[in-house]
Amino acid sequence: MNNIFAQLPIDTNREHFSDIVKSKNVRIERIVSFGQSSPEKGWYTQDEHEWVMVLSGYGDIELGSGRVVRLKKGDFLEIKAGQKHRVLATAQGIATVWLAIFYK
């Protein structure tokens, strides 16, 4: 039995990315943030679709259209392949745990 909240990282100075499942067409990843955001010029544009959910903490995501979305515990968002986006902020002082599913 595994648990998404087991063995959370101790190092709060960086984000941590862990593959849970990885196959040719799908990747499921746990991301743990401690107040991190995308670098100033850190827009992401991916070849895969991404479905992301916040399990604890919060994350503010800005889309290329200028729309800002705050994801709190239980909130999710689908980011289509090629859609420009970045993380503006994550919770300070607690772990923001994300579940991200990348697919073709």
PDB file of N, CA and C in Angstrom:
ATOM      1  N   MET A   1       0.854  -1.179   0.000  1.00  0.00           N
ATOM      2  CA  MET A   1       0.000   0.000   0.000  1.00  0.00           C
ATOM      3  C   MET A   1       0.895   1.236   0.000  1.00  0.00           C
ATOM      4  N   ASN A   2       0.562   2.171  -0.846  1.00  0.00           N
ATOM      5  CA  ASN A   2       1.290   3.431  -0.929  1.00  0.00           C
ATOM      6  C   ASN A   2       0.374   4.575  -0.520  1.00  0.00           C
ATOM      7  N   ASN A   3       0.970   5.713  -0.148  1.00  0.00           N
ATOM      8  CA  ASN A   3       0.199   6.882   0.259  1.00  0.00           C
ATOM      9  C   ASN A   3       0.857   8.120  -0.341  1.00  0.00           C
ATOM     10  N   ILE A   4       0.076   8.968  -0.981  1.00  0.00           N
ATOM     11  CA  ILE A   4       0.581  10.166  -1.663  1.00  0.00           C
ATOM     12  C   ILE A   4       1.271  11.134  -0.694  1.00  0.00           C
ATOM     13  N   PHE A   5       0.890  11.077   0.591  1.00  0.00           N
ATOM     14  CA  PHE A   5       1.464  11.974   1.590  1.00  0.00           C
ATOM     15  C   PHE A   5       2.633  11.350   2.358  1.00  0.00           C
ATOM     16  N   ALA A   6       2.962  10.097   2.053  1.00  0.00           N
ATOM     17  CA  ALA A   6       4.068   9.420   2.737  1.00  0.00           C
ATOM     18  C   ALA A   6       5.394   9.986   2.267  1.00  0.00           C
ATOM     19  N   GLN A   7       6.324  10.067   3.167  1.00  0.00           N
ATOM     20  CA  GLN A   7       7.699  10.472   2.882  1.00  0.00           C
ATOM     21  C   GLN A   7       7.770  11.793   2.119  1.00  0.00           C
ATOM     22  N   LEU A   8       7.070  12.807   2.637  1.00  0.00           N
ATOM     23  CA  LEU A   8       7.183  14.134   2.030  1.00  0.00           C
ATOM     24  C   LEU A   8       8.619  14.620   2.205  1.00  0.00           C
ATOM     25  N   PRO A   9       9.151  15.329   1.221  1.00  0.00           N
ATOM     26  CA  PRO A   9      10.540  15.794   1.296  1.00  0.00           C
ATOM     27  C   PRO A   9      10.775  16.720   2.480  1.00  0.00           C
ATOM     28  N   ILE A  10      11.986  16.700   2.974  1.00  0.00           N
ATOM     29  CA  ILE A  10      12.387  17.567   4.082  1.00  0.00           C
ATOM     30  C   ILE A  10      12.936  18.887   3.548  1.00  0.00           C
ATOM     31  N   ASP A  11      13.622  18.846   2.408  1.00  0.00           N
ATOM     32  CA  ASP A  11      14.240  20.031   1.803  1.00  0.00           C
ATOM     33  C   ASP A  11      13.155  20.956   1.251  1.00  0.00           C
ATOM     34  N   THR A  12      12.960  22.098   1.894  1.00  0.00           N
ATOM     35  CA  THR A  12      11.930  23.052   1.474  1.00  0.00           C
ATOM     36  C   THR A  12      12.468  24.123   0.523  1.00  0.00           C
ATOM     37  N   ASN A  13      13.738  24.015   0.149  1.00  0.00           N
ATOM     38  CA  ASN A  13      14.356  25.022  -0.715  1.00  0.00           C
ATOM     39  C   ASN A  13      14.096  24.804  -2.203  1.00  0.00           C
ATOM     40  N   ARG A  14      13.451  23.694  -2.543  1.00  0.00           N
ATOM     41  CA  ARG A  14      13.179  23.414  -3.950  1.00  0.00           C
ATOM     42  C   ARG A  14      11.908  22.584  -4.080  1.00  0.00           C
ATOM     43  N   GLU A  15      11.394  22.514  -5.300  1.00  0.00           N
ATOM     44  CA  GLU A  15      10.257  21.637  -5.587  1.00  0.00           C
ATOM     45  C   GLU A  15      10.769  20.224  -5.814  1.00  0.00           C
ATOM     46  N   HIS A  16       9.902  19.258  -5.521  1.00  0.00           N
ATOM     47  CA  HIS A  16      10.267  17.847  -5.677  1.00  0.00           C
ATOM     48  C   HIS A  16       9.267  17.178  -6.608  1.00  0.00           C
ATOM     49  N   PHE A  17       9.780  16.449  -7.598  1.00  0.00           N
ATOM     50  CA  PHE A  17       8.977  15.770  -8.607  1.00  0.00           C
ATOM     51  C   PHE A  17       9.236  14.273  -8.507  1.00  0.00           C
ATOM     52  N   SER A  18       8.154  13.478  -8.375  1.00  0.00           N
ATOM     53  CA  SER A  18       8.293  12.026  -8.275  1.00  0.00           C
ATOM     54  C   SER A  18       7.281  11.361  -9.199  1.00  0.00           C
ATOM     55  N   ASP A  19       7.771  10.513 -10.093  1.00  0.00           N
ATOM     56  CA  ASP A  19       6.869   9.737 -10.941  1.00  0.00           C
ATOM     57  C   ASP A  19       6.194   8.660 -10.104  1.00  0.00           C
ATOM     58  N   ILE A  20       4.884   8.552 -10.242  1.00  0.00           N
ATOM     59  CA  ILE A  20       4.116   7.496  -9.588  1.00  0.00           C
ATOM     60  C   ILE A  20       3.877   6.374 -10.593  1.00  0.00           C
ATOM     61  N   VAL A  21       3.486   6.763 -11.808  1.00  0.00           N
ATOM     62  CA  VAL A  21       3.270   5.833 -12.915  1.00  0.00           C
ATOM     63  C   VAL A  21       3.863   6.480 -14.158  1.00  0.00           C
ATOM     64  N   LYS A  22       4.542   5.676 -14.961  1.00  0.00           N
ATOM     65  CA  LYS A  22       5.109   6.204 -16.191  1.00  0.00           C
ATOM     66  C   LYS A  22       4.989   5.146 -17.278  1.00  0.00           C
ATOM     67  N   SER A  23       4.333   5.529 -18.377  1.00  0.00           N
ATOM     68  CA  SER A  23       4.208   4.634 -19.520  1.00  0.00           C
ATOM     69  C   SER A  23       4.387   5.465 -20.789  1.00  0.00           C
ATOM     70  N   LYS A  24       4.215   4.832 -21.912  1.00  0.00           N
ATOM     71  CA  LYS A  24       4.399   5.503 -23.197  1.00  0.00           C
ATOM     72  C   LYS A  24       3.441   6.676 -23.380  1.00  0.00           C
ATOM     73  N   ASN A  25       2.193   6.542 -22.920  1.00  0.00           N
ATOM     74  CA  ASN A  25       1.164   7.553 -23.176  1.00  0.00           C
ATOM     75  C   ASN A  25       0.723   8.358 -21.971  1.00  0.00           C
ATOM     76  N   VAL A  26       1.095   7.910 -20.763  1.00  0.00           N
ATOM     77  CA  VAL A  26       0.624   8.570 -19.543  1.00  0.00           C
ATOM     78  C   VAL A  26       1.753   8.625 -18.513  1.00  0.00           C
ATOM     79  N   ARG A  27       1.824   9.756 -17.821  1.00  0.00           N
ATOM     80  CA  ARG A  27       2.743   9.882 -16.691  1.00  0.00           C
ATOM     81  C   ARG A  27       1.971  10.523 -15.555  1.00  0.00           C
ATOM     82  N   ILE A  28       2.013   9.911 -14.384  1.00  0.00           N
ATOM     83  CA  ILE A  28       1.367  10.461 -13.193  1.00  0.00           C
ATOM     84  C   ILE A  28       2.486  10.834 -12.228  1.00  0.00           C
ATOM     85  N   GLU A  29       2.420  12.071 -11.749  1.00  0.00           N
ATOM     86  CA  GLU A  29       3.525  12.621 -10.975  1.00  0.00           C
ATOM     87  C   GLU A  29       3.017  13.289  -9.703  1.00  0.00           C
ATOM     88  N   ARG A  30       3.768  13.114  -8.634  1.00  0.00           N
ATOM     89  CA  ARG A  30       3.533  13.895  -7.420  1.00  0.00           C
ATOM     90  C   ARG A  30       4.539  15.032  -7.423  1.00  0.00           C
ATOM     91  N   ILE A  31       4.028  16.241  -7.203  1.00  0.00           N
ATOM     92  CA  ILE A  31       4.885  17.418  -7.097  1.00  0.00           C
ATOM     93  C   ILE A  31       4.668  18.004  -5.707  1.00  0.00           C
ATOM     94  N   VAL A  32       5.745  18.321  -5.016  1.00  0.00           N
ATOM     95  CA  VAL A  32       5.653  18.931  -3.693  1.00  0.00           C
ATOM     96  C   VAL A  32       6.385  20.265  -3.743  1.00  0.00           C
ATOM     97  N   SER A  33       5.642  21.340  -3.450  1.00  0.00           N
ATOM     98  CA  SER A  33       6.175  22.707  -3.481  1.00  0.00           C
ATOM     99  C   SER A  33       6.141  23.299  -2.077  1.00  0.00           C
ATOM    100  N   PHE A  34       7.093  24.159  -1.798  1.00  0.00           N
ATOM    101  CA  PHE A  34       7.172  24.843  -0.508  1.00  0.00           C
ATOM    102  C   PHE A  34       7.344  26.342  -0.743  1.00  0.00           C
ATOM    103  N   GLY A  35       6.369  26.961  -1.393  1.00  0.00           N
ATOM    104  CA  GLY A  35       6.442  28.386  -1.666  1.00  0.00           C
ATOM    105  C   GLY A  35       7.106  28.724  -2.992  1.00  0.00           C
ATOM    106  N   GLN A  36       7.473  27.717  -3.773  1.00  0.00           N
ATOM    107  CA  GLN A  36       8.131  27.982  -5.046  1.00  0.00           C
ATOM    108  C   GLN A  36       7.128  28.462  -6.096  1.00  0.00           C
ATOM    109  N   SER A  37       7.688  29.105  -7.117  1.00  0.00           N
ATOM    110  CA  SER A  37       6.920  29.524  -8.286  1.00  0.00           C
ATOM    111  C   SER A  37       7.799  29.296  -9.505  1.00  0.00           C
ATOM    112  N   SER A  38       7.220  29.498 -10.681  1.00  0.00           N
ATOM    113  CA  SER A  38       8.011  29.381 -11.912  1.00  0.00           C
ATOM    114  C   SER A  38       9.043  30.506 -11.928  1.00  0.00           C
ATOM    115  N   PRO A  39      10.186  30.276 -12.556  1.00  0.00           N
ATOM    116  CA  PRO A  39      11.157  31.371 -12.696  1.00  0.00           C
ATOM    117  C   PRO A  39      10.509  32.561 -13.402  1.00  0.00           C
ATOM    118  N   GLU A  40      11.066  33.746 -13.230  1.00  0.00           N
ATOM    119  CA  GLU A  40      10.460  34.965 -13.765  1.00  0.00           C
ATOM    120  C   GLU A  40      10.094  34.842 -15.241  1.00  0.00           C
ATOM    121  N   LYS A  41      10.946  34.231 -16.024  1.00  0.00           N
ATOM    122  CA  LYS A  41      10.649  34.021 -17.444  1.00  0.00           C
ATOM    123  C   LYS A  41      10.205  32.579 -17.672  1.00  0.00           C
ATOM    124  N   GLY A  42       9.608  31.964 -16.644  1.00  0.00           N
ATOM    125  CA  GLY A  42       9.334  30.541 -16.646  1.00  0.00           C
ATOM    126  C   GLY A  42       7.987  30.106 -17.165  1.00  0.00           C
ATOM    127  N   TRP A  43       7.621  30.523 -18.348  1.00  0.00           N
ATOM    128  CA  TRP A  43       6.390  30.008 -18.954  1.00  0.00           C
ATOM    129  C   TRP A  43       6.630  28.595 -19.452  1.00  0.00           C
ATOM    130  N   TYR A  44       5.671  27.723 -19.197  1.00  0.00           N
ATOM    131  CA  TYR A  44       5.741  26.351 -19.686  1.00  0.00           C
ATOM    132  C   TYR A  44       4.797  26.199 -20.878  1.00  0.00           C
ATOM    133  N   THR A  45       5.263  25.512 -21.889  1.00  0.00           N
ATOM    134  CA  THR A  45       4.433  25.101 -23.011  1.00  0.00           C
ATOM    135  C   THR A  45       4.819  23.650 -23.275  1.00  0.00           C
ATOM    136  N   GLN A  46       3.884  22.737 -23.081  1.00  0.00           N
ATOM    137  CA  GLN A  46       4.180  21.305 -23.116  1.00  0.00           C
ATOM    138  C   GLN A  46       3.560  20.647 -24.339  1.00  0.00           C
ATOM    139  N   ASP A  47       4.185  19.540 -24.753  1.00  0.00           N
ATOM    140  CA  ASP A  47       3.659  18.734 -25.857  1.00  0.00           C
ATOM    141  C   ASP A  47       2.528  17.820 -25.398  1.00  0.00           C
ATOM    142  N   GLU A  48       2.379  17.651 -24.092  1.00  0.00           N
ATOM    143  CA  GLU A  48       1.360  16.773 -23.523  1.00  0.00           C
ATOM    144  C   GLU A  48       0.261  17.613 -22.878  1.00  0.00           C
ATOM    145  N   HIS A  49      -0.930  17.040 -22.753  1.00  0.00           N
ATOM    146  CA  HIS A  49      -1.980  17.631 -21.931  1.00  0.00           C
ATOM    147  C   HIS A  49      -1.592  17.368 -20.478  1.00  0.00           C
ATOM    148  N   GLU A  50      -2.044  18.253 -19.587  1.00  0.00           N
ATOM    149  CA  GLU A  50      -1.789  18.061 -18.155  1.00  0.00           C
ATOM    150  C   GLU A  50      -3.083  18.286 -17.388  1.00  0.00           C
ATOM    151  N   TRP A  51      -3.407  17.321 -16.533  1.00  0.00           N
ATOM    152  CA  TRP A  51      -4.516  17.458 -15.592  1.00  0.00           C
ATOM    153  C   TRP A  51      -3.849  17.525 -14.228  1.00  0.00           C
ATOM    154  N   VAL A  52      -4.106  18.606 -13.492  1.00  0.00           N
ATOM    155  CA  VAL A  52      -3.417  18.798 -12.213  1.00  0.00           C
ATOM    156  C   VAL A  52      -4.433  19.077 -11.113  1.00  0.00           C
ATOM    157  N   MET A  53      -4.186  18.498  -9.936  1.00  0.00           N
ATOM    158  CA  MET A  53      -5.056  18.682  -8.771  1.00  0.00           C
ATOM    159  C   MET A  53      -4.192  19.013  -7.562  1.00  0.00           C
ATOM    160  N   VAL A  54      -4.672  19.936  -6.738  1.00  0.00           N
ATOM    161  CA  VAL A  54      -3.987  20.256  -5.487  1.00  0.00           C
ATOM    162  C   VAL A  54      -4.608  19.414  -4.376  1.00  0.00           C
ATOM    163  N   LEU A  55      -3.759  18.684  -3.672  1.00  0.00           N
ATOM    164  CA  LEU A  55      -4.210  17.815  -2.576  1.00  0.00           C
ATOM    165  C   LEU A  55      -4.027  18.470  -1.214  1.00  0.00           C
ATOM    166  N   SER A  56      -3.079  19.394  -1.108  1.00  0.00           N
ATOM    167  CA  SER A  56      -2.896  20.180   0.115  1.00  0.00           C
ATOM    168  C   SER A  56      -2.205  21.475  -0.254  1.00  0.00           C
ATOM    169  N   GLY A  57      -2.399  22.508   0.559  1.00  0.00           N
ATOM    170  CA  GLY A  57      -1.839  23.812   0.266  1.00  0.00           C
ATOM    171  C   GLY A  57      -2.647  24.506  -0.822  1.00  0.00           C
ATOM    172  N   TYR A  58      -1.960  25.317  -1.639  1.00  0.00           N
ATOM    173  CA  TYR A  58      -2.621  25.952  -2.781  1.00  0.00           C
ATOM    174  C   TYR A  58      -1.577  26.298  -3.827  1.00  0.00           C
ATOM    175  N   GLY A  59      -2.048  26.525  -5.041  1.00  0.00           N
ATOM    176  CA  GLY A  59      -1.179  26.977  -6.120  1.00  0.00           C
ATOM    177  C   GLY A  59      -1.925  27.960  -7.001  1.00  0.00           C
ATOM    178  N   ASP A  60      -1.267  29.057  -7.347  1.00  0.00           N
ATOM    179  CA  ASP A  60      -1.818  30.037  -8.278  1.00  0.00           C
ATOM    180  C   ASP A  60      -1.175  29.806  -9.636  1.00  0.00           C
ATOM    181  N   ILE A  61      -1.995  29.542 -10.643  1.00  0.00           N
ATOM    182  CA  ILE A  61      -1.513  29.279 -11.992  1.00  0.00           C
ATOM    183  C   ILE A  61      -2.007  30.393 -12.906  1.00  0.00           C
ATOM    184  N   GLU A  62      -1.086  30.967 -13.669  1.00  0.00           N
ATOM    185  CA  GLU A  62      -1.457  31.954 -14.677  1.00  0.00           C
ATOM    186  C   GLU A  62      -1.404  31.287 -16.042  1.00  0.00           C
ATOM    187  N   LEU A  63      -2.474  31.459 -16.800  1.00  0.00           N
ATOM    188  CA  LEU A  63      -2.536  30.930 -18.153  1.00  0.00           C
ATOM    189  C   LEU A  63      -2.091  32.015 -19.128  1.00  0.00           C
ATOM    190  N   GLY A  64      -1.713  31.623 -20.327  1.00  0.00           N
ATOM    191  CA  GLY A  64      -1.226  32.554 -21.333  1.00  0.00           C
ATOM    192  C   GLY A  64      -2.214  33.655 -21.673  1.00  0.00           C
ATOM    193  N   SER A  65      -3.500  33.402 -21.436  1.00  0.00           N
ATOM    194  CA  SER A  65      -4.545  34.398 -21.694  1.00  0.00           C
ATOM    195  C   SER A  65      -4.556  35.514 -20.656  1.00  0.00           C
ATOM    196  N   GLY A  66      -3.785  35.339 -19.561  1.00  0.00           N
ATOM    197  CA  GLY A  66      -3.784  36.305 -18.467  1.00  0.00           C
ATOM    198  C   GLY A  66      -4.675  35.884 -17.308  1.00  0.00           C
ATOM    199  N   ARG A  67      -5.482  34.859 -17.513  1.00  0.00           N
ATOM    200  CA  ARG A  67      -6.361  34.341 -16.446  1.00  0.00           C
ATOM    201  C   ARG A  67      -5.511  33.697 -15.354  1.00  0.00           C
ATOM    202  N   VAL A  68      -5.804  34.040 -14.100  1.00  0.00           N
ATOM    203  CA  VAL A  68      -5.129  33.447 -12.949  1.00  0.00           C
ATOM    204  C   VAL A  68      -6.126  32.571 -12.207  1.00  0.00           C
ATOM    205  N   VAL A  69      -5.709  31.347 -11.917  1.00  0.00           N
ATOM    206  CA  VAL A  69      -6.556  30.371 -11.231  1.00  0.00           C
ATOM    207  C   VAL A  69      -5.877  29.975  -9.936  1.00  0.00           C
ATOM    208  N   ARG A  70      -6.601  30.090  -8.811  1.00  0.00           N
ATOM    209  CA  ARG A  70      -6.085  29.583  -7.538  1.00  0.00           C
ATOM    210  C   ARG A  70      -6.685  28.199  -7.322  1.00  0.00           C
ATOM    211  N   LEU A  71      -5.816  27.209  -7.211  1.00  0.00           N
ATOM    212  CA  LEU A  71      -6.230  25.849  -6.908  1.00  0.00           C
ATOM    213  C   LEU A  71      -5.979  25.584  -5.437  1.00  0.00           C
ATOM    214  N   LYS A  72      -7.040  25.212  -4.734  1.00  0.00           N
ATOM    215  CA  LYS A  72      -6.955  24.846  -3.323  1.00  0.00           C
ATOM    216  C   LYS A  72      -7.230  23.346  -3.212  1.00  0.00           C
ATOM    217  N   LYS A  73      -7.153  22.826  -2.027  1.00  0.00           N
ATOM    218  CA  LYS A  73      -7.351  21.396  -1.775  1.00  0.00           C
ATOM    219  C   LYS A  73      -8.595  20.892  -2.514  1.00  0.00           C
ATOM    220  N   GLY A  74      -8.378  19.922  -3.395  1.00  0.00           N
ATOM    221  CA  GLY A  74      -9.474  19.304  -4.142  1.00  0.00           C
ATOM    222  C   GLY A  74      -9.763  19.944  -5.487  1.00  0.00           C
ATOM    223  N   ASP A  75      -9.208  21.135  -5.749  1.00  0.00           N
ATOM    224  CA  ASP A  75      -9.434  21.802  -7.038  1.00  0.00           C
ATOM    225  C   ASP A  75      -8.520  21.209  -8.103  1.00  0.00           C
ATOM    226  N   PHE A  76      -9.030  21.157  -9.345  1.00  0.00           N
ATOM    227  CA  PHE A  76      -8.218  20.641 -10.441  1.00  0.00           C
ATOM    228  C   PHE A  76      -8.398  21.496 -11.678  1.00  0.00           C
ATOM    229  N   LEU A  77      -7.455  21.321 -12.610  1.00  0.00           N
ATOM    230  CA  LEU A  77      -7.425  22.115 -13.833  1.00  0.00           C
ATOM    231  C   LEU A  77      -6.833  21.267 -14.945  1.00  0.00           C
ATOM    232  N   GLU A  78      -7.410  21.383 -16.128  1.00  0.00           N
ATOM    233  CA  GLU A  78      -6.819  20.735 -17.303  1.00  0.00           C
ATOM    234  C   GLU A  78      -6.101  21.801 -18.119  1.00  0.00           C
ATOM    235  N   ILE A  79      -4.867  21.521 -18.453  1.00  0.00           N
ATOM    236  CA  ILE A  79      -4.052  22.415 -19.272  1.00  0.00           C
ATOM    237  C   ILE A  79      -3.772  21.669 -20.575  1.00  0.00           C
ATOM    238  N   LYS A  80      -4.314  22.164 -21.654  1.00  0.00           N
ATOM    239  CA  LYS A  80      -4.170  21.508 -22.946  1.00  0.00           C
ATOM    240  C   LYS A  80      -2.732  21.613 -23.457  1.00  0.00           C
ATOM    241  N   ALA A  81      -2.320  20.646 -24.231  1.00  0.00           N
ATOM    242  CA  ALA A  81      -0.997  20.672 -24.855  1.00  0.00           C
ATOM    243  C   ALA A  81      -0.844  21.980 -25.625  1.00  0.00           C
ATOM    244  N   GLY A  82       0.311  22.614 -25.477  1.00  0.00           N
ATOM    245  CA  GLY A  82       0.592  23.857 -26.174  1.00  0.00           C
ATOM    246  C   GLY A  82       0.098  25.107 -25.470  1.00  0.00           C
ATOM    247  N   GLN A  83      -0.696  24.947 -24.386  1.00  0.00           N
ATOM    248  CA  GLN A  83      -1.218  26.109 -23.663  1.00  0.00           C
ATOM    249  C   GLN A  83      -0.133  26.666 -22.734  1.00  0.00           C
ATOM    250  N   LYS A  84       0.193  27.920 -22.918  1.00  0.00           N
ATOM    251  CA  LYS A  84       1.211  28.593 -22.117  1.00  0.00           C
ATOM    252  C   LYS A  84       0.681  28.775 -20.692  1.00  0.00           C
ATOM    253  N   HIS A  85       1.519  28.464 -19.685  1.00  0.00           N
ATOM    254  CA  HIS A  85       1.119  28.603 -18.289  1.00  0.00           C
ATOM    255  C   HIS A  85       2.352  28.682 -17.390  1.00  0.00           C
ATOM    256  N   ARG A  86       2.115  29.167 -16.171  1.00  0.00           N
ATOM    257  CA  ARG A  86       3.180  29.202 -15.174  1.00  0.00           C
ATOM    258  C   ARG A  86       2.571  29.219 -13.784  1.00  0.00           C
ATOM    259  N   VAL A  87       3.376  28.836 -12.802  1.00  0.00           N
ATOM    260  CA  VAL A  87       2.960  28.855 -11.401  1.00  0.00           C
ATOM    261  C   VAL A  87       3.419  30.184 -10.811  1.00  0.00           C
ATOM    262  N   LEU A  88       2.450  30.988 -10.354  1.00  0.00           N
ATOM    263  CA  LEU A  88       2.773  32.288  -9.752  1.00  0.00           C
ATOM    264  C   LEU A  88       3.178  32.156  -8.295  1.00  0.00           C
ATOM    265  N   ALA A  89       2.515  31.251  -7.562  1.00  0.00           N
ATOM    266  CA  ALA A  89       2.797  31.117  -6.124  1.00  0.00           C
ATOM    267  C   ALA A  89       2.264  29.784  -5.626  1.00  0.00           C
ATOM    268  N   THR A  90       2.885  29.311  -4.548  1.00  0.00           N
ATOM    269  CA  THR A  90       2.369  28.165  -3.799  1.00  0.00           C
ATOM    270  C   THR A  90       2.418  28.537  -2.314  1.00  0.00           C
ATOM    271  N   ALA A  91       1.748  27.756  -1.505  1.00  0.00           N
ATOM    272  CA  ALA A  91       1.623  28.053  -0.081  1.00  0.00           C
ATOM    273  C   ALA A  91       2.992  28.157   0.593  1.00  0.00           C
ATOM    274  N   GLN A  92       3.107  29.109   1.485  1.00  0.00           N
ATOM    275  CA  GLN A  92       4.316  29.306   2.285  1.00  0.00           C
ATOM    276  C   GLN A  92       4.151  28.562   3.609  1.00  0.00           C
ATOM    277  N   GLY A  93       5.199  27.907   4.068  1.00  0.00           N
ATOM    278  CA  GLY A  93       5.190  27.298   5.395  1.00  0.00           C
ATOM    279  C   GLY A  93       4.554  25.921   5.472  1.00  0.00           C
ATOM    280  N   ILE A  94       3.871  25.492   4.416  1.00  0.00           N
ATOM    281  CA  ILE A  94       3.318  24.133   4.374  1.00  0.00           C
ATOM    282  C   ILE A  94       3.567  23.559   2.989  1.00  0.00           C
ATOM    283  N   ALA A  95       3.499  22.265   2.885  1.00  0.00           N
ATOM    284  CA  ALA A  95       3.698  21.617   1.590  1.00  0.00           C
ATOM    285  C   ALA A  95       2.442  21.770   0.735  1.00  0.00           C
ATOM    286  N   THR A  96       2.642  22.205  -0.504  1.00  0.00           N
ATOM    287  CA  THR A  96       1.582  22.103  -1.503  1.00  0.00           C
ATOM    288  C   THR A  96       1.858  20.811  -2.255  1.00  0.00           C
ATOM    289  N   VAL A  97       0.926  19.880  -2.166  1.00  0.00           N
ATOM    290  CA  VAL A  97       1.074  18.590  -2.831  1.00  0.00           C
ATOM    291  C   VAL A  97       0.148  18.581  -4.037  1.00  0.00           C
ATOM    292  N   TRP A  98       0.748  18.388  -5.207  1.00  0.00           N
ATOM    293  CA  TRP A  98       0.031  18.338  -6.479  1.00  0.00           C
ATOM    294  C   TRP A  98       0.006  16.906  -6.990  1.00  0.00           C
ATOM    295  N   LEU A  99      -1.066  16.532  -7.660  1.00  0.00           N
ATOM    296  CA  LEU A  99      -1.120  15.299  -8.428  1.00  0.00           C
ATOM    297  C   LEU A  99      -1.278  15.728  -9.877  1.00  0.00           C
ATOM    298  N   ALA A 100      -0.306  15.400 -10.707  1.00  0.00           N
ATOM    299  CA  ALA A 100      -0.322  15.822 -12.109  1.00  0.00           C
ATOM    300  C   ALA A 100      -0.341  14.591 -13.003  1.00  0.00           C
ATOM    301  N   ILE A 101      -1.234  14.616 -13.980  1.00  0.00           N
ATOM    302  CA  ILE A 101      -1.339  13.543 -14.955  1.00  0.00           C
ATOM    303  C   ILE A 101      -1.054  14.150 -16.321  1.00  0.00           C
ATOM    304  N   PHE A 102      -0.032  13.635 -16.973  1.00  0.00           N
ATOM    305  CA  PHE A 102       0.368  14.090 -18.307  1.00  0.00           C
ATOM    306  C   PHE A 102      -0.029  13.007 -19.298  1.00  0.00           C
ATOM    307  N   TYR A 103      -0.660  13.408 -20.387  1.00  0.00           N
ATOM    308  CA  TYR A 103      -1.135  12.418 -21.367  1.00  0.00           C
ATOM    309  C   TYR A 103      -1.108  13.003 -22.771  1.00  0.00           C
ATOM    310  N   LYS A 104      -1.067  12.093 -23.748  1.00  0.00           N
ATOM    311  CA  LYS A 104      -1.014  12.493 -25.170  1.00  0.00           C
ATOM    312  C   LYS A 104      -2.397  12.809 -25.682  1.00  0.00           C
TER     313      LYS A 104
END
